Amino acid sequence: MAIARNKVVDHYRRSRRFPQVPLVDVEERIYEREEREPEQATLRQEEYQQLQRHVRNLPEIQREVLQVRFGEGMRCAEIAQVAVLQKRGEEAKE
């Protein structure tokens, strides 16, 4: 009986030192969030490249508006004020 008891004790000691995690659990943790899946990363990259192509085809003023809105974080109202001031400045030069 002592041998069986010692084997059980040894088993529990080893399992605490080196916990075993089923492979299925590891896989679920890795792909817990869909964004982390390789297919999703590839799709995001393709979408980003397509977006860049479309932005390059926009007129310069529209590209500038996108830059200050999303690149510099300006609000739409601020962009409109700047656009009005620029338009007035251009008209004054003429």
Foldseek 3Di string as FASTA:
>chain_A
DVVVVVVVVVVVVVCVVPPDDDPVVVVCVQPVDVCNDPVNVVVVVVVVVVVVVVLVPDPPVVVVVCCCCPVVVDDPVVVVVVVVVVVVVVVVVD
